[in-house]
């Protein structure tokens, strides 16, 4: 059974920083996405940013096409800010 995961764009996939700064991916971000997809899970990129900007950033940084959403309802939400 596919599990839905919502990965926070800033801090899980993309390094955190100034909004306009051209920051690169988190070291394990692409690997995490690839592992989840290989297992057959569903991956959503969660962000409040423009979908077009995020889609372009993902393409530029070698990520496969992913759904981009402003809500993570119904998904296991993964964020670097989650309580440990």
Foldseek 3Di string as FASTA:
>chain_A
DAAEEEEECDAQFFDDDDPVDLTHTDPCNQVVVVVSVVVVHAYEYADPDDPVVSQVRCVVRPHDDHHYDPDQPRHHYDHPPDDD
